[in-house]
Amino acid sequence: KDLAFTYNLKTKEERSRWRGIKLDRFVSQQRMKGAVVFTICPPEKGKFLFEPFVGLGNSTDSFRVCEYMIICDQAKDISDNAPLPDYKGSWGPGKEVVSKGLTPVTHISPYVQCEDGTAEVEFTMDEDVQLTARLFE
């Protein structure tokens, strides 16, 4: 089955924003070896409600799988925990990469460090494929 995942993060008071920023931007989602992995980094200490949702393929219908109470006793400094771009899909190489015959060489996970201000992301290809890239702020 082709499952699509999404999520909501909000405070225990049901607020979905922190200092005007959507709390969902402090969550990343990635697929790894047949699993979906959510990484949650709340911007401040407190209690948060995390709700993962699942739907089938391209259907707009999804349902809440469960709810988690995230208890954050100490948040990272905001300089180390900047909000992610406003994107609720899976980060990193996923099923689309595999379906096009690409295999990630340099970055299996969605995190790319720019040690000297530059980064290279490399794939092997089963056949010639035209690629474009976008960089989000």
C-alpha atoms as a PDB file:
ATOM      1  CA  LYS A   1       0.000   0.000   0.000  1.00  0.00           C
ATOM      2  CA  ASP A   2       1.129   3.518  -0.790  1.00  0.00           C
ATOM      3  CA  LEU A   3       0.708   5.351   2.518  1.00  0.00           C
ATOM      4  CA  ALA A   4       1.037   9.100   2.950  1.00  0.00           C
ATOM      5  CA  PHE A   5       1.800  10.569   6.358  1.00  0.00           C
ATOM      6  CA  THR A   6       1.328  14.008   7.835  1.00  0.00           C
ATOM      7  CA  TYR A   7       1.182  15.390  11.374  1.00  0.00           C
ATOM      8  CA  ASN A   8       0.165  18.182  13.723  1.00  0.00           C
ATOM      9  CA  LEU A   9       2.092  19.568  16.674  1.00  0.00           C
ATOM     10  CA  LYS A  10       0.399  21.880  19.131  1.00  0.00           C
ATOM     11  CA  THR A  11       0.666  22.946  22.728  1.00  0.00           C
ATOM     12  CA  LYS A  12      -1.411  21.297  25.420  1.00  0.00           C
ATOM     13  CA  GLU A  13      -3.558  24.470  25.246  1.00  0.00           C
ATOM     14  CA  GLU A  14      -4.277  23.617  21.564  1.00  0.00           C
ATOM     15  CA  ARG A  15      -2.127  26.473  20.198  1.00  0.00           C
ATOM     16  CA  SER A  16      -0.509  25.622  16.854  1.00  0.00           C
ATOM     17  CA  ARG A  17       1.893  28.582  16.756  1.00  0.00           C
ATOM     18  CA  TRP A  18       4.907  29.706  18.756  1.00  0.00           C
ATOM     19  CA  ARG A  19       5.963  33.360  18.361  1.00  0.00           C
ATOM     20  CA  GLY A  20       3.953  33.431  15.118  1.00  0.00           C
ATOM     21  CA  ILE A  21       5.688  30.322  13.702  1.00  0.00           C
ATOM     22  CA  LYS A  22       3.743  27.110  13.023  1.00  0.00           C
ATOM     23  CA  LEU A  23       4.798  24.437  15.521  1.00  0.00           C
ATOM     24  CA  ASP A  24       4.720  21.883  12.681  1.00  0.00           C
ATOM     25  CA  ARG A  25       7.952  23.522  11.470  1.00  0.00           C
ATOM     26  CA  PHE A  26       9.720  21.958  14.471  1.00  0.00           C
ATOM     27  CA  VAL A  27       8.957  18.448  13.178  1.00  0.00           C
ATOM     28  CA  SER A  28      10.717  16.597  10.379  1.00  0.00           C
ATOM     29  CA  GLN A  29       9.460  13.432   8.748  1.00  0.00           C
ATOM     30  CA  GLN A  30      11.556  10.880   6.893  1.00  0.00           C
ATOM     31  CA  ARG A  31      11.130   7.360   5.557  1.00  0.00           C
ATOM     32  CA  MET A  32      13.735   4.782   6.418  1.00  0.00           C
ATOM     33  CA  LYS A  33      13.665   1.086   5.512  1.00  0.00           C
ATOM     34  CA  GLY A  34       9.883   0.759   5.386  1.00  0.00           C
ATOM     35  CA  ALA A  35       9.287   2.988   8.410  1.00  0.00           C
ATOM     36  CA  VAL A  36       8.298   6.600   8.852  1.00  0.00           C
ATOM     37  CA  VAL A  37      10.339   8.546  11.417  1.00  0.00           C
ATOM     38  CA  PHE A  38       9.202  11.818  12.969  1.00  0.00           C
ATOM     39  CA  THR A  39      11.811  13.980  14.717  1.00  0.00           C
ATOM     40  CA  ILE A  40      10.216  16.466  17.097  1.00  0.00           C
ATOM     41  CA  CYS A  41      12.237  19.381  18.542  1.00  0.00           C
ATOM     42  CA  PRO A  42       9.875  21.698  20.467  1.00  0.00           C
ATOM     43  CA  PRO A  43      11.014  25.335  20.561  1.00  0.00           C
ATOM     44  CA  GLU A  44      10.508  25.678  24.310  1.00  0.00           C
ATOM     45  CA  LYS A  45       9.999  23.548  27.384  1.00  0.00           C
ATOM     46  CA  GLY A  46       6.461  22.432  28.081  1.00  0.00           C
ATOM     47  CA  LYS A  47       3.875  19.882  27.038  1.00  0.00           C
ATOM     48  CA  PHE A  48       2.938  19.395  23.402  1.00  0.00           C
ATOM     49  CA  LEU A  49       0.427  17.213  21.569  1.00  0.00           C
ATOM     50  CA  PHE A  50       1.791  15.325  18.556  1.00  0.00           C
ATOM     51  CA  GLU A  51      -0.755  13.760  16.173  1.00  0.00           C
ATOM     52  CA  PRO A  52       0.437  11.629  13.252  1.00  0.00           C
ATOM     53  CA  PHE A  53      -2.059  11.106  10.408  1.00  0.00           C
ATOM     54  CA  VAL A  54      -2.060   8.523   7.613  1.00  0.00           C
ATOM     55  CA  GLY A  55      -3.851   8.373   4.280  1.00  0.00           C
ATOM     56  CA  LEU A  56      -3.718   6.233   1.153  1.00  0.00           C
ATOM     57  CA  GLY A  57      -1.665   7.447  -1.806  1.00  0.00           C
ATOM     58  CA  ASN A  58      -2.857  10.723  -3.289  1.00  0.00           C
ATOM     59  CA  SER A  59      -6.159  10.719  -1.417  1.00  0.00           C
ATOM     60  CA  THR A  60      -6.928  13.898   0.501  1.00  0.00           C
ATOM     61  CA  ASP A  61      -8.597  11.815   3.228  1.00  0.00           C
ATOM     62  CA  SER A  62      -6.438  10.914   6.202  1.00  0.00           C
ATOM     63  CA  PHE A  63      -7.084   9.868   9.756  1.00  0.00           C
ATOM     64  CA  ARG A  64      -5.307  10.364  13.044  1.00  0.00           C
ATOM     65  CA  VAL A  65      -3.343   7.253  13.952  1.00  0.00           C
ATOM     66  CA  CYS A  66      -2.781   8.155  17.604  1.00  0.00           C
ATOM     67  CA  GLU A  67      -1.777  10.999  19.902  1.00  0.00           C
ATOM     68  CA  TYR A  68       1.407  11.519  21.872  1.00  0.00           C
ATOM     69  CA  MET A  69       2.020  13.882  24.758  1.00  0.00           C
ATOM     70  CA  ILE A  70       5.511  15.293  24.230  1.00  0.00           C
ATOM     71  CA  ILE A  71       6.988  16.423  27.547  1.00  0.00           C
ATOM     72  CA  CYS A  72       9.929  18.706  26.891  1.00  0.00           C
ATOM     73  CA  ASP A  73      11.837  19.457  30.099  1.00  0.00           C
ATOM     74  CA  GLN A  74      14.565  21.400  28.317  1.00  0.00           C
ATOM     75  CA  ALA A  75      14.416  22.790  24.799  1.00  0.00           C
ATOM     76  CA  LYS A  76      17.427  23.361  22.570  1.00  0.00           C
ATOM     77  CA  ASP A  77      18.585  26.930  22.195  1.00  0.00           C
ATOM     78  CA  ILE A  78      16.730  28.473  19.241  1.00  0.00           C
ATOM     79  CA  SER A  79      20.079  29.095  17.514  1.00  0.00           C
ATOM     80  CA  ASP A  80      20.456  25.272  17.347  1.00  0.00           C
ATOM     81  CA  ASN A  81      16.763  24.638  16.654  1.00  0.00           C
ATOM     82  CA  ALA A  82      15.690  27.006  13.906  1.00  0.00           C
ATOM     83  CA  PRO A  83      12.274  26.183  12.433  1.00  0.00           C
ATOM     84  CA  LEU A  84      12.361  24.080   9.287  1.00  0.00           C
ATOM     85  CA  PRO A  85      10.929  25.373   6.006  1.00  0.00           C
ATOM     86  CA  ASP A  86       7.137  25.119   5.841  1.00  0.00           C
ATOM     87  CA  TYR A  87       6.920  21.639   4.282  1.00  0.00           C
ATOM     88  CA  LYS A  88       5.016  18.659   5.687  1.00  0.00           C
ATOM     89  CA  GLY A  89       6.228  15.930   3.328  1.00  0.00           C
ATOM     90  CA  SER A  90       9.002  13.413   3.916  1.00  0.00           C
ATOM     91  CA  TRP A  91      12.492  14.869   4.004  1.00  0.00           C
ATOM     92  CA  GLY A  92      15.425  13.166   2.314  1.00  0.00           C
ATOM     93  CA  PRO A  93      15.475  10.404  -0.270  1.00  0.00           C
ATOM     94  CA  GLY A  94      12.221   8.449  -0.267  1.00  0.00           C
ATOM     95  CA  LYS A  95      10.099   6.258  -2.493  1.00  0.00           C
ATOM     96  CA  GLU A  96      10.167   8.802  -5.340  1.00  0.00           C
ATOM     97  CA  VAL A  97      13.971   8.526  -5.513  1.00  0.00           C
ATOM     98  CA  VAL A  98      13.839   4.722  -5.640  1.00  0.00           C
ATOM     99  CA  SER A  99      11.041   4.703  -8.233  1.00  0.00           C
ATOM    100  CA  LYS A 100      13.212   6.807 -10.578  1.00  0.00           C
ATOM    101  CA  GLY A 101      16.152   4.387 -10.287  1.00  0.00           C
ATOM    102  CA  LEU A 102      18.260   6.654  -8.085  1.00  0.00           C
ATOM    103  CA  THR A 103      20.316   5.521  -5.090  1.00  0.00           C
ATOM    104  CA  PRO A 104      21.658   8.083  -2.612  1.00  0.00           C
ATOM    105  CA  VAL A 105      25.434   7.872  -2.259  1.00  0.00           C
ATOM    106  CA  THR A 106      26.386  10.751   0.023  1.00  0.00           C
ATOM    107  CA  HIS A 107      23.264  11.329   2.128  1.00  0.00           C
ATOM    108  CA  ILE A 108      20.882   8.547   3.102  1.00  0.00           C
ATOM    109  CA  SER A 109      19.319  10.705   5.808  1.00  0.00           C
ATOM    110  CA  PRO A 110      17.633  14.051   5.084  1.00  0.00           C
ATOM    111  CA  TYR A 111      20.260  16.054   6.954  1.00  0.00           C
ATOM    112  CA  VAL A 112      23.079  17.657   4.959  1.00  0.00           C
ATOM    113  CA  GLN A 113      25.841  19.478   6.837  1.00  0.00           C
ATOM    114  CA  CYS A 114      27.570  22.379   5.087  1.00  0.00           C
ATOM    115  CA  GLU A 115      30.890  22.242   6.930  1.00  0.00           C
ATOM    116  CA  ASP A 116      32.626  24.876   4.779  1.00  0.00           C
ATOM    117  CA  GLY A 117      29.529  26.582   3.399  1.00  0.00           C
ATOM    118  CA  THR A 118      29.001  24.083   0.561  1.00  0.00           C
ATOM    119  CA  ALA A 119      27.469  20.641   0.225  1.00  0.00           C
ATOM    120  CA  GLU A 120      27.264  17.948  -2.435  1.00  0.00           C
ATOM    121  CA  VAL A 121      24.394  15.506  -2.675  1.00  0.00           C
ATOM    122  CA  GLU A 122      25.229  12.541  -4.905  1.00  0.00           C
ATOM    123  CA  PHE A 123      23.098   9.748  -6.403  1.00  0.00           C
ATOM    124  CA  THR A 124      23.874   6.784  -8.634  1.00  0.00           C
ATOM    125  CA  MET A 125      21.448   6.254 -11.523  1.00  0.00           C
ATOM    126  CA  ASP A 126      20.153   3.105 -13.217  1.00  0.00           C
ATOM    127  CA  GLU A 127      19.648   5.174 -16.380  1.00  0.00           C
ATOM    128  CA  ASP A 128      19.973   8.796 -17.478  1.00  0.00           C
ATOM    129  CA  VAL A 129      17.599  11.022 -15.524  1.00  0.00           C
ATOM    130  CA  GLN A 130      17.134  14.798 -15.732  1.00  0.00           C
ATOM    131  CA  LEU A 131      17.299  16.322 -12.226  1.00  0.00           C
ATOM    132  CA  THR A 132      16.570  19.795 -10.898  1.00  0.00           C
ATOM    133  CA  ALA A 133      17.046  21.015  -7.351  1.00  0.00           C
ATOM    134  CA  ARG A 134      15.424  23.674  -5.182  1.00  0.00           C
ATOM    135  CA  LEU A 135      16.792  25.261  -2.045  1.00  0.00           C
ATOM    136  CA  PHE A 136      14.264  26.504   0.500  1.00  0.00           C
ATOM    137  CA  GLU A 137      14.921  29.017   3.230  1.00  0.00           C
END
